[in-house]
């Protein structure tokens, strides 16, 4: 549903709306040689929504004000997040 604008030149973030009741999925890919720490506004996500790292199956900090997801990625790393409604 969205490819948000990001500051890091090697970062690609894609936001996907899952079928009803399953939340929002976010894919973040770092194509660069440097680690990235960035906060990205997620379209359609609500402040306080629960965030899960889908690859490690761990709970992360809830979304910040304005549906902002904070992420850190190592060089050439990808992450997949599942955001559940607050």
Protein backbone atom coordinates (compact mmCIF):
# COMPACT_ATOMS: atom_id res chain seq x y z
CA UNK A 1 0.00 0.00 0.00
CA UNK A 2 3.02 2.29 0.36
CA UNK A 3 6.73 2.72 -0.33
CA UNK A 4 7.62 5.45 2.18
CA UNK A 5 10.26 8.06 1.53
CA UNK A 6 13.40 7.33 3.57
CA UNK A 7 16.61 9.24 4.30
CA UNK A 8 19.16 6.44 3.87
CA UNK A 9 20.10 5.98 0.21
CA UNK A 10 20.38 2.17 0.47
CA UNK A 11 17.10 1.61 2.33
CA UNK A 12 13.92 0.28 0.72
CA UNK A 13 10.75 0.00 2.82
CA UNK A 14 7.55 -1.55 1.51
CA UNK A 15 4.22 -1.57 3.40
CA UNK A 16 1.67 -4.29 2.66
CA UNK A 17 -1.92 -4.50 3.88
CA UNK A 18 -2.75 -8.07 4.86
CA UNK A 19 -6.23 -9.62 4.61
CA UNK A 20 -8.77 -8.40 7.16
CA UNK A 21 -7.71 -9.03 10.73
CA UNK A 22 -4.08 -9.94 10.01
CA UNK A 23 -2.54 -6.46 10.34
CA UNK A 24 0.10 -4.71 8.25
CA UNK A 25 3.38 -6.20 7.04
CA UNK A 26 6.51 -4.08 6.50
CA UNK A 27 9.58 -5.24 4.59
CA UNK A 28 12.80 -3.26 5.14
CA UNK A 29 15.90 -3.93 3.04
CA UNK A 30 19.32 -2.32 3.44
CA UNK A 31 21.19 -2.53 0.14
CA UNK A 32 24.03 -0.36 1.48
CA UNK A 33 27.42 -1.05 3.04
CA UNK A 34 26.62 0.97 6.18
CA UNK A 35 24.28 0.16 9.07
CA UNK A 36 21.01 2.09 9.11
CA UNK A 37 18.91 3.42 11.98
CA UNK A 38 15.76 5.14 10.76
CA UNK A 39 12.20 5.93 11.82
CA UNK A 40 9.57 5.49 9.11
CA UNK A 41 5.89 6.47 9.15
CA UNK A 42 3.82 3.41 8.23
CA UNK A 43 0.73 4.17 6.13
CA UNK A 44 -2.45 2.98 7.80
CA UNK A 45 -0.76 2.03 11.10
CA UNK A 46 -1.90 3.44 14.44
CA UNK A 47 0.12 4.79 17.34
CA UNK A 48 0.65 2.02 19.89
CA UNK A 49 0.22 -0.82 17.42
CA UNK A 50 2.11 -3.95 18.49
CA UNK A 51 5.18 -4.72 16.33
CA UNK A 52 6.56 -8.22 15.82
CA UNK A 53 9.82 -9.16 14.11
CA UNK A 54 8.55 -11.91 11.84
CA UNK A 55 11.94 -13.58 11.30
CA UNK A 56 13.02 -13.83 14.94
CA UNK A 57 9.40 -14.10 16.19
CA UNK A 58 10.00 -11.49 18.91
CA UNK A 59 7.88 -8.58 20.10
CA UNK A 60 9.36 -5.10 19.61
CA UNK A 61 8.44 -1.66 20.91
CA UNK A 62 4.93 -0.51 19.90
CA UNK A 63 4.63 2.08 17.15
CA UNK A 64 5.48 5.65 18.15
CA UNK A 65 3.20 8.66 17.68
CA UNK A 66 1.93 8.96 14.13
CA UNK A 67 2.44 5.26 13.37
CA UNK A 68 6.23 5.57 13.22
CA UNK A 69 8.30 2.37 13.13
CA UNK A 70 11.91 2.59 14.31
CA UNK A 71 14.26 0.15 12.61
CA UNK A 72 17.93 -0.70 12.58
CA UNK A 73 19.52 -2.77 9.86
CA UNK A 74 23.05 -3.98 9.36
CA UNK A 75 24.67 -3.76 5.91
CA UNK A 76 22.89 -5.94 3.33
CA UNK A 77 20.26 -6.98 5.89
CA UNK A 78 16.54 -7.38 5.48
CA UNK A 79 13.78 -7.44 8.10
CA UNK A 80 10.10 -8.24 8.07
CA UNK A 81 7.73 -6.68 10.59
CA UNK A 82 4.11 -7.48 11.42
CA UNK A 83 2.08 -4.62 12.89
CA UNK A 84 -1.09 -5.50 14.76
CA UNK A 85 -3.80 -2.93 15.48
CA UNK A 86 -3.67 -1.19 18.84
